[in-house]
Protein backbone atom coordinates (compact mmCIF):
# COMPACT_ATOMS: atom_id res chain seq x y z
CA MET A 1 11.54 24.56 0.16
CA ALA A 2 12.71 22.42 3.10
CA VAL A 3 9.14 21.24 3.69
CA LYS A 4 8.87 20.21 0.05
CA ALA A 5 12.18 18.33 0.22
CA SER A 6 11.05 16.56 3.40
CA ALA A 7 7.79 15.56 1.75
CA VAL A 8 9.69 14.13 -1.21
CA LEU A 9 11.99 12.17 1.13
CA VAL A 10 9.03 10.75 3.06
CA PHE A 11 7.37 9.77 -0.22
CA LEU A 12 10.56 8.04 -1.40
CA VAL A 13 10.84 6.11 1.86
CA VAL A 14 7.24 4.97 1.54
CA VAL A 15 7.90 3.83 -2.04
CA VAL A 16 11.03 1.93 -1.01
CA LEU A 17 9.15 0.33 1.86
CA ALA A 18 6.28 -0.66 -0.44
CA VAL A 19 8.66 -2.21 -2.99
CA ALA A 20 10.44 -4.11 -0.24
CA ALA A 21 7.10 -5.36 1.06
CA MET A 22 6.25 -6.82 -2.34
CA ARG A 23 9.34 -9.03 -2.45
CA GLY A 24 9.34 -12.77 -1.78
CA ALA A 25 7.56 -14.92 0.76
CA GLU A 26 9.35 -13.41 3.76
CA ALA A 27 7.71 -10.08 3.00
CA ALA A 28 4.37 -11.62 3.98
CA THR A 29 5.40 -11.58 7.65
CA CYS A 30 7.77 -8.58 7.46
CA THR A 31 5.84 -5.60 6.20
CA PRO A 32 8.04 -2.51 6.25
CA THR A 33 5.13 -0.29 5.22
CA GLN A 34 3.83 -0.71 8.77
CA LEU A 35 6.76 1.47 9.84
CA THR A 36 5.75 4.52 7.76
CA PRO A 37 4.90 6.48 10.94
CA CYS A 38 8.67 6.41 11.59
CA ALA A 39 9.66 7.89 8.22
CA PRO A 40 9.71 11.55 9.36
CA ALA A 41 11.98 10.67 12.27
CA ILE A 42 14.31 8.47 10.21
CA VAL A 43 14.68 10.67 7.12
CA GLY A 44 14.16 13.97 8.91
CA ASN A 45 15.14 15.36 12.23
CA SER A 46 11.84 15.09 14.10
CA PRO A 47 11.47 12.94 17.21
CA PRO A 48 9.64 9.63 16.79
CA THR A 49 5.94 9.73 17.58
CA ALA A 50 4.12 7.39 19.93
CA ALA A 51 2.66 5.70 16.83
CA CYS A 52 6.17 5.11 15.48
CA CYS A 53 7.40 3.61 18.74
CA GLY A 54 4.32 1.41 18.97
CA LYS A 55 4.90 0.07 15.46
CA LEU A 56 8.59 -0.58 16.17
CA LYS A 57 7.77 -2.47 19.37
CA ALA A 58 5.13 -4.58 17.61
CA HIS A 59 7.37 -5.40 14.64
CA PRO A 60 9.19 -8.78 14.77
CA ALA A 61 12.90 -8.43 15.57
CA SER A 62 13.74 -10.93 12.82
CA CYS A 63 12.35 -8.45 10.30
CA PHE A 64 14.89 -5.84 11.37
CA CYS A 65 17.65 -8.34 10.57
CA GLN A 66 16.09 -8.80 7.15
CA TYR A 67 15.93 -5.03 6.64
CA LYS A 68 19.56 -4.60 7.76
CA LYS A 69 20.59 -6.95 4.93
CA ASP A 70 18.31 -5.47 2.26
CA PRO A 71 20.21 -2.97 0.07
CA ASN A 72 17.13 -0.72 -0.14
CA MET A 73 16.35 -0.78 3.56
CA LYS A 74 19.69 -0.93 5.35
CA LYS A 75 20.47 2.73 4.69
CA TYR A 76 17.45 3.63 6.85
CA VAL A 77 17.82 1.03 9.59
CA ASN A 78 21.57 1.58 9.95
CA SER A 79 21.48 5.38 9.60
CA PRO A 80 22.28 7.60 12.59
CA ASN A 81 18.66 8.80 12.67
CA GLY A 82 17.39 5.23 12.39
CA LYS A 83 19.52 4.16 15.34
CA LYS A 84 18.36 7.23 17.28
CA VAL A 85 14.71 6.28 16.66
CA PHE A 86 15.31 2.75 17.95
CA ALA A 87 17.08 4.11 21.04
CA THR A 88 14.42 6.74 21.75
CA CYS A 89 11.66 4.15 21.43
CA LYS A 90 13.67 1.74 23.63
CA VAL A 91 13.60 -0.96 20.96
CA PRO A 92 16.86 -2.90 20.75
CA LEU A 93 18.21 -3.21 17.23
CA PRO A 94 19.13 -6.90 16.94
CA LYS A 95 22.65 -8.00 16.16
CA CYS A 96 22.33 -10.21 13.13
């Protein structure tokens, strides 16, 4: 049951990320779907993978500011697990 719930949460995160990616011109440079390897660590309790950390490090810092302001994204970026993922991957979360 917990595995099924986790799968549903990961799916919902991917959908939210895809919808956010389809918005406006800024979405062309900020593609949150590139961060899907981080979904299990952000919505679950698993440690971030090397792929997740690599994607976070390669993602423009200005995009994280955009995500922190987006009503659909900020709950993931600002969540305790989200902050833990950034810290574990040694990626500073910008102050916007």
